[in-house]
C-alpha atoms as a PDB file:
ATOM      1  CA  UNK A   1      -1.884  19.364 -24.092  1.00  0.00           C
ATOM      2  CA  UNK A   2       0.930  18.874 -21.613  1.00  0.00           C
ATOM      3  CA  UNK A   3      -1.403  17.967 -18.728  1.00  0.00           C
ATOM      4  CA  UNK A   4      -3.243  15.285 -20.714  1.00  0.00           C
ATOM      5  CA  UNK A   5      -0.679  12.662 -19.713  1.00  0.00           C
ATOM      6  CA  UNK A   6      -1.102  13.546 -16.043  1.00  0.00           C
ATOM      7  CA  UNK A   7      -4.896  13.350 -16.294  1.00  0.00           C
ATOM      8  CA  UNK A   8      -4.728   9.958 -18.018  1.00  0.00           C
ATOM      9  CA  UNK A   9      -2.286   8.709 -15.392  1.00  0.00           C
ATOM     10  CA  UNK A  10      -4.610   9.893 -12.619  1.00  0.00           C
ATOM     11  CA  UNK A  11      -7.472   7.988 -14.283  1.00  0.00           C
ATOM     12  CA  UNK A  12      -5.320   4.874 -14.481  1.00  0.00           C
ATOM     13  CA  UNK A  13      -4.629   5.118 -10.744  1.00  0.00           C
ATOM     14  CA  UNK A  14      -8.361   5.628 -10.172  1.00  0.00           C
ATOM     15  CA  UNK A  15      -9.026   2.414 -12.104  1.00  0.00           C
ATOM     16  CA  UNK A  16      -6.520   0.572  -9.917  1.00  0.00           C
ATOM     17  CA  UNK A  17      -8.002   1.941  -6.692  1.00  0.00           C
ATOM     18  CA  UNK A  18     -11.562   1.141  -7.750  1.00  0.00           C
ATOM     19  CA  UNK A  19     -10.704  -2.345  -8.986  1.00  0.00           C
ATOM     20  CA  UNK A  20      -8.616  -3.223  -5.938  1.00  0.00           C
ATOM     21  CA  UNK A  21     -11.306  -1.912  -3.584  1.00  0.00           C
ATOM     22  CA  UNK A  22     -14.154  -3.704  -5.348  1.00  0.00           C
ATOM     23  CA  UNK A  23     -12.306  -7.009  -5.138  1.00  0.00           C
ATOM     24  CA  UNK A  24     -11.564  -6.388  -1.441  1.00  0.00           C
ATOM     25  CA  UNK A  25     -15.265  -5.964  -0.610  1.00  0.00           C
ATOM     26  CA  UNK A  26     -17.290  -9.022   0.500  1.00  0.00           C
ATOM     27  CA  UNK A  27     -18.951  -9.401  -2.922  1.00  0.00           C
ATOM     28  CA  UNK A  28     -15.581  -9.205  -4.673  1.00  0.00           C
ATOM     29  CA  UNK A  29     -13.981 -11.663  -2.265  1.00  0.00           C
ATOM     30  CA  UNK A  30     -16.947 -13.984  -2.764  1.00  0.00           C
ATOM     31  CA  UNK A  31     -16.451 -13.855  -6.533  1.00  0.00           C
ATOM     32  CA  UNK A  32     -12.735 -14.635  -6.169  1.00  0.00           C
ATOM     33  CA  UNK A  33     -13.539 -17.516  -3.829  1.00  0.00           C
ATOM     34  CA  UNK A  34     -16.021 -18.960  -6.343  1.00  0.00           C
ATOM     35  CA  UNK A  35     -13.437 -18.626  -9.117  1.00  0.00           C
ATOM     36  CA  UNK A  36     -10.353 -19.828  -7.264  1.00  0.00           C
ATOM     37  CA  UNK A  37     -11.436 -21.533  -4.016  1.00  0.00           C
ATOM     38  CA  UNK A  38      -8.509 -21.734  -1.620  1.00  0.00           C
ATOM     39  CA  UNK A  39      -6.398 -19.716  -4.092  1.00  0.00           C
ATOM     40  CA  UNK A  40      -8.677 -16.661  -3.765  1.00  0.00           C
ATOM     41  CA  UNK A  41      -6.064 -14.535  -1.959  1.00  0.00           C
ATOM     42  CA  UNK A  42      -3.417 -15.548  -4.480  1.00  0.00           C
ATOM     43  CA  UNK A  43      -5.732 -14.546  -7.344  1.00  0.00           C
ATOM     44  CA  UNK A  44      -6.533 -11.246  -5.592  1.00  0.00           C
ATOM     45  CA  UNK A  45      -2.823 -10.418  -5.343  1.00  0.00           C
ATOM     46  CA  UNK A  46      -2.128 -11.546  -8.902  1.00  0.00           C
ATOM     47  CA  UNK A  47      -4.883  -9.313 -10.304  1.00  0.00           C
ATOM     48  CA  UNK A  48      -3.614  -6.373  -8.216  1.00  0.00           C
ATOM     49  CA  UNK A  49       0.004  -6.927  -9.318  1.00  0.00           C
ATOM     50  CA  UNK A  50      -0.889  -7.149 -13.016  1.00  0.00           C
ATOM     51  CA  UNK A  51      -3.193  -4.108 -12.798  1.00  0.00           C
ATOM     52  CA  UNK A  52      -0.588  -2.032 -10.949  1.00  0.00           C
ATOM     53  CA  UNK A  53       2.161  -3.074 -13.384  1.00  0.00           C
ATOM     54  CA  UNK A  54      -0.067  -2.008 -16.283  1.00  0.00           C
ATOM     55  CA  UNK A  55      -0.814   1.358 -14.608  1.00  0.00           C
ATOM     56  CA  UNK A  56       2.894   2.012 -14.010  1.00  0.00           C
ATOM     57  CA  UNK A  57       3.884   0.927 -17.516  1.00  0.00           C
ATOM     58  CA  UNK A  58       1.270   3.183 -19.135  1.00  0.00           C
ATOM     59  CA  UNK A  59       2.247   5.997 -16.760  1.00  0.00           C
ATOM     60  CA  UNK A  60       5.846   5.622 -17.861  1.00  0.00           C
ATOM     61  CA  UNK A  61       4.741   5.864 -21.507  1.00  0.00           C
ATOM     62  CA  UNK A  62       2.672   8.975 -20.730  1.00  0.00           C
ATOM     63  CA  UNK A  63       5.118  10.832 -18.484  1.00  0.00           C
ATOM     64  CA  UNK A  64       8.452   9.024 -18.614  1.00  0.00           C
ATOM     65  CA  UNK A  65      10.010  11.138 -21.344  1.00  0.00           C
ATOM     66  CA  UNK A  66       9.700  14.417 -19.474  1.00  0.00           C
ATOM     67  CA  UNK A  67      12.728  16.179 -17.985  1.00  0.00           C
ATOM     68  CA  UNK A  68      13.712  15.528 -14.385  1.00  0.00           C
ATOM     69  CA  UNK A  69      13.102  18.268 -11.825  1.00  0.00           C
ATOM     70  CA  UNK A  70      15.999  20.649 -11.111  1.00  0.00           C
ATOM     71  CA  UNK A  71      16.227  20.027  -7.370  1.00  0.00           C
ATOM     72  CA  UNK A  72      18.786  21.657  -5.058  1.00  0.00           C
ATOM     73  CA  UNK A  73      21.450  19.390  -3.573  1.00  0.00           C
ATOM     74  CA  UNK A  74      20.138  19.547   0.040  1.00  0.00           C
ATOM     75  CA  UNK A  75      16.704  18.384  -1.136  1.00  0.00           C
ATOM     76  CA  UNK A  76      18.231  15.578  -3.224  1.00  0.00           C
ATOM     77  CA  UNK A  77      20.233  14.450  -0.171  1.00  0.00           C
ATOM     78  CA  UNK A  78      17.104  14.532   2.006  1.00  0.00           C
ATOM     79  CA  UNK A  79      15.314  12.440  -0.630  1.00  0.00           C
ATOM     80  CA  UNK A  80      18.185   9.928  -0.590  1.00  0.00           C
ATOM     81  CA  UNK A  81      17.786   9.679   3.189  1.00  0.00           C
ATOM     82  CA  UNK A  82      14.024   9.160   2.720  1.00  0.00           C
ATOM     83  CA  UNK A  83      14.693   6.284   0.306  1.00  0.00           C
ATOM     84  CA  UNK A  84      17.123   4.664   2.744  1.00  0.00           C
ATOM     85  CA  UNK A  85      14.712   5.112   5.648  1.00  0.00           C
ATOM     86  CA  UNK A  86      11.846   3.730   3.556  1.00  0.00           C
ATOM     87  CA  UNK A  87      13.788   0.585   2.636  1.00  0.00           C
ATOM     88  CA  UNK A  88      14.891   0.094   6.256  1.00  0.00           C
ATOM     89  CA  UNK A  89      11.343   0.526   7.587  1.00  0.00           C
ATOM     90  CA  UNK A  90       9.968  -1.923   5.001  1.00  0.00           C
ATOM     91  CA  UNK A  91      12.591  -4.530   5.932  1.00  0.00           C
ATOM     92  CA  UNK A  92      12.059  -4.169   9.689  1.00  0.00           C
ATOM     93  CA  UNK A  93       8.262  -3.873   9.597  1.00  0.00           C
ATOM     94  CA  UNK A  94       7.930  -6.704   7.087  1.00  0.00           C
ATOM     95  CA  UNK A  95       9.303  -9.118   9.683  1.00  0.00           C
ATOM     96  CA  UNK A  96       6.120  -8.653  11.758  1.00  0.00           C
ATOM     97  CA  UNK A  97       3.909 -10.108   9.028  1.00  0.00           C
ATOM     98  CA  UNK A  98       3.476 -13.583   7.573  1.00  0.00           C
ATOM     99  CA  UNK A  99       4.372 -13.306   3.872  1.00  0.00           C
ATOM    100  CA  UNK A 100       2.872 -16.731   3.094  1.00  0.00           C
ATOM    101  CA  UNK A 101      -0.462 -15.569   4.424  1.00  0.00           C
ATOM    102  CA  UNK A 102      -0.242 -12.160   2.736  1.00  0.00           C
ATOM    103  CA  UNK A 103       0.435 -13.684  -0.677  1.00  0.00           C
ATOM    104  CA  UNK A 104      -2.120 -16.487  -0.228  1.00  0.00           C
ATOM    105  CA  UNK A 105       0.274 -19.430   0.051  1.00  0.00           C
ATOM    106  CA  UNK A 106      -0.777 -20.265   3.631  1.00  0.00           C
ATOM    107  CA  UNK A 107      -4.404 -20.453   2.508  1.00  0.00           C
ATOM    108  CA  UNK A 108      -3.430 -22.846  -0.292  1.00  0.00           C
ATOM    109  CA  UNK A 109      -1.522 -25.064   2.173  1.00  0.00           C
ATOM    110  CA  UNK A 110      -4.445 -25.005   4.627  1.00  0.00           C
ATOM    111  CA  UNK A 111      -6.910 -25.837   1.855  1.00  0.00           C
ATOM    112  CA  UNK A 112      -9.169 -22.978   2.937  1.00  0.00           C
ATOM    113  CA  UNK A 113     -10.181 -19.679   1.356  1.00  0.00           C
ATOM    114  CA  UNK A 114      -8.981 -16.455   2.944  1.00  0.00           C
ATOM    115  CA  UNK A 115     -12.221 -15.758   4.861  1.00  0.00           C
ATOM    116  CA  UNK A 116     -12.003 -19.158   6.611  1.00  0.00           C
ATOM    117  CA  UNK A 117      -8.553 -18.477   8.076  1.00  0.00           C
ATOM    118  CA  UNK A 118      -8.250 -17.570  11.756  1.00  0.00           C
ATOM    119  CA  UNK A 119      -7.390 -13.832  12.033  1.00  0.00           C
ATOM    120  CA  UNK A 120      -3.733 -13.098  12.654  1.00  0.00           C
ATOM    121  CA  UNK A 121      -2.693 -11.758  16.038  1.00  0.00           C
ATOM    122  CA  UNK A 122      -2.779  -7.953  16.082  1.00  0.00           C
ATOM    123  CA  UNK A 123       0.848  -6.784  16.099  1.00  0.00           C
ATOM    124  CA  UNK A 124       1.299  -3.688  18.290  1.00  0.00           C
ATOM    125  CA  UNK A 125       5.002  -3.993  19.159  1.00  0.00           C
ATOM    126  CA  UNK A 126       8.109  -2.942  17.253  1.00  0.00           C
ATOM    127  CA  UNK A 127       7.477  -0.372  14.535  1.00  0.00           C
ATOM    128  CA  UNK A 128       3.736  -1.022  14.932  1.00  0.00           C
ATOM    129  CA  UNK A 129       4.101   0.592  18.341  1.00  0.00           C
ATOM    130  CA  UNK A 130       5.414   3.755  16.658  1.00  0.00           C
ATOM    131  CA  UNK A 131       2.860   3.999  13.825  1.00  0.00           C
ATOM    132  CA  UNK A 132      -0.127   1.792  12.982  1.00  0.00           C
ATOM    133  CA  UNK A 133       0.921   1.350   9.349  1.00  0.00           C
ATOM    134  CA  UNK A 134       4.731   1.131   9.156  1.00  0.00           C
ATOM    135  CA  UNK A 135       4.690  -0.688   5.794  1.00  0.00           C
ATOM    136  CA  UNK A 136       2.754   2.180   4.234  1.00  0.00           C
ATOM    137  CA  UNK A 137       5.109   4.693   5.856  1.00  0.00           C
ATOM    138  CA  UNK A 138       8.126   2.897   4.401  1.00  0.00           C
ATOM    139  CA  UNK A 139       6.515   2.725   0.966  1.00  0.00           C
ATOM    140  CA  UNK A 140       5.607   6.432   0.982  1.00  0.00           C
ATOM    141  CA  UNK A 141       9.112   7.461   2.063  1.00  0.00           C
ATOM    142  CA  UNK A 142      10.518   5.376  -0.775  1.00  0.00           C
ATOM    143  CA  UNK A 143       8.136   6.866  -3.346  1.00  0.00           C
ATOM    144  CA  UNK A 144       8.580  10.490  -2.251  1.00  0.00           C
ATOM    145  CA  UNK A 145      12.339  10.028  -2.028  1.00  0.00           C
ATOM    146  CA  UNK A 146      12.307   9.047  -5.690  1.00  0.00           C
ATOM    147  CA  UNK A 147       9.921  11.841  -6.811  1.00  0.00           C
ATOM    148  CA  UNK A 148      12.509  13.572  -8.998  1.00  0.00           C
ATOM    149  CA  UNK A 149      10.657  13.657 -12.327  1.00  0.00           C
ATOM    150  CA  UNK A 150       7.046  14.066 -13.507  1.00  0.00           C
ATOM    151  CA  UNK A 151       6.430  10.292 -13.650  1.00  0.00           C
ATOM    152  CA  UNK A 152       7.865   9.475 -10.221  1.00  0.00           C
ATOM    153  CA  UNK A 153       6.343  12.615  -8.680  1.00  0.00           C
ATOM    154  CA  UNK A 154       2.895  11.777 -10.036  1.00  0.00           C
ATOM    155  CA  UNK A 155       3.331   8.171  -8.900  1.00  0.00           C
ATOM    156  CA  UNK A 156       4.173   9.338  -5.368  1.00  0.00           C
ATOM    157  CA  UNK A 157       1.156  11.663  -5.329  1.00  0.00           C
ATOM    158  CA  UNK A 158      -1.381   9.149  -6.654  1.00  0.00           C
ATOM    159  CA  UNK A 159      -0.010   6.296  -4.527  1.00  0.00           C
ATOM    160  CA  UNK A 160      -0.263   8.529  -1.440  1.00  0.00           C
ATOM    161  CA  UNK A 161      -3.902   9.317  -2.199  1.00  0.00           C
ATOM    162  CA  UNK A 162      -4.591   5.628  -2.739  1.00  0.00           C
ATOM    163  CA  UNK A 163      -2.879   4.669   0.546  1.00  0.00           C
ATOM    164  CA  UNK A 164      -4.724   7.330   2.575  1.00  0.00           C
ATOM    165  CA  UNK A 165      -8.096   6.223   1.195  1.00  0.00           C
ATOM    166  CA  UNK A 166      -7.177   2.556   1.584  1.00  0.00           C
ATOM    167  CA  UNK A 167      -6.142   3.028   5.221  1.00  0.00           C
ATOM    168  CA  UNK A 168      -9.631   4.346   6.007  1.00  0.00           C
ATOM    169  CA  UNK A 169     -11.238   1.112   4.759  1.00  0.00           C
ATOM    170  CA  UNK A 170      -8.525  -1.117   6.210  1.00  0.00           C
ATOM    171  CA  UNK A 171      -8.977   0.390   9.654  1.00  0.00           C
ATOM    172  CA  UNK A 172     -12.730  -0.197   9.517  1.00  0.00           C
ATOM    173  CA  UNK A 173     -12.001  -3.861   8.784  1.00  0.00           C
ATOM    174  CA  UNK A 174      -9.448  -4.046  11.613  1.00  0.00           C
ATOM    175  CA  UNK A 175     -11.960  -2.512  14.029  1.00  0.00           C
ATOM    176  CA  UNK A 176     -14.499  -5.185  13.042  1.00  0.00           C
ATOM    177  CA  UNK A 177     -11.888  -7.924  13.484  1.00  0.00           C
ATOM    178  CA  UNK A 178     -10.293  -6.836  16.762  1.00  0.00           C
ATOM    179  CA  UNK A 179     -12.985  -4.631  18.333  1.00  0.00           C
ATOM    180  CA  UNK A 180     -12.039  -2.578  21.373  1.00  0.00           C
ATOM    181  CA  UNK A 181      -8.457  -3.854  21.328  1.00  0.00           C
ATOM    182  CA  UNK A 182      -7.962  -2.125  17.978  1.00  0.00           C
ATOM    183  CA  UNK A 183      -9.876   0.972  19.118  1.00  0.00           C
ATOM    184  CA  UNK A 184      -7.518   1.334  22.107  1.00  0.00           C
ATOM    185  CA  UNK A 185      -4.472   0.747  19.887  1.00  0.00           C
ATOM    186  CA  UNK A 186      -5.745   3.329  17.397  1.00  0.00           C
ATOM    187  CA  UNK A 187      -6.212   5.892  20.182  1.00  0.00           C
ATOM    188  CA  UNK A 188      -2.682   5.269  21.447  1.00  0.00           C
ATOM    189  CA  UNK A 189      -0.598   4.985  18.266  1.00  0.00           C
ATOM    190  CA  UNK A 190      -0.592   7.486  15.354  1.00  0.00           C
ATOM    191  CA  UNK A 191      -1.507   6.345  11.848  1.00  0.00           C
ATOM    192  CA  UNK A 192       1.557   7.256   9.745  1.00  0.00           C
ATOM    193  CA  UNK A 193       3.564  10.055  11.342  1.00  0.00           C
ATOM    194  CA  UNK A 194       5.399   9.193  14.564  1.00  0.00           C
ATOM    195  CA  UNK A 195       4.657  11.590  17.413  1.00  0.00           C
ATOM    196  CA  UNK A 196       8.192  13.042  17.368  1.00  0.00           C
ATOM    197  CA  UNK A 197       7.704  14.053  13.691  1.00  0.00           C
ATOM    198  CA  UNK A 198       4.550  15.899  14.637  1.00  0.00           C
ATOM    199  CA  UNK A 199       6.219  17.954  17.362  1.00  0.00           C
END
């Protein structure tokens, strides 16, 4: 059946979302800390990267041979603009974050597991003053700009679902970390769509 590949790809994304979420929970983080000590964040990212690469590789095998969509030129041009905007947003927004801490290298240097690190300062300026999750916005623009075939379209769809579910849990964690400061920021700044996009 033609839709079998899509169903299998959806299940692969479900496996990634479930695995990534389970490892992000306190019990999962505790397990990673017992296994890797101060390298727990590094191990978390390594597992996620390998799992995601496997999902994408299998998705390409399942859906990669299908014909590209016949899209009109204006839509293709708009998608090119979305890709450019996505890359630009990722580059600008990425400057507000500490890559060493994100990847787990800062924890290794400090000799402490991720949970023992002092929380980063909540960034509310720059693109974070326009949307609360500019990195996710940039990623989604990039993915949807490239959604020109069954594989890339399905990837954009499943990644979007994953991001929207993940944001829900991430914001609960941020509220616990930053309390009323985050609640006020959340009330003031939209999640993904800037106010001017929403009319």
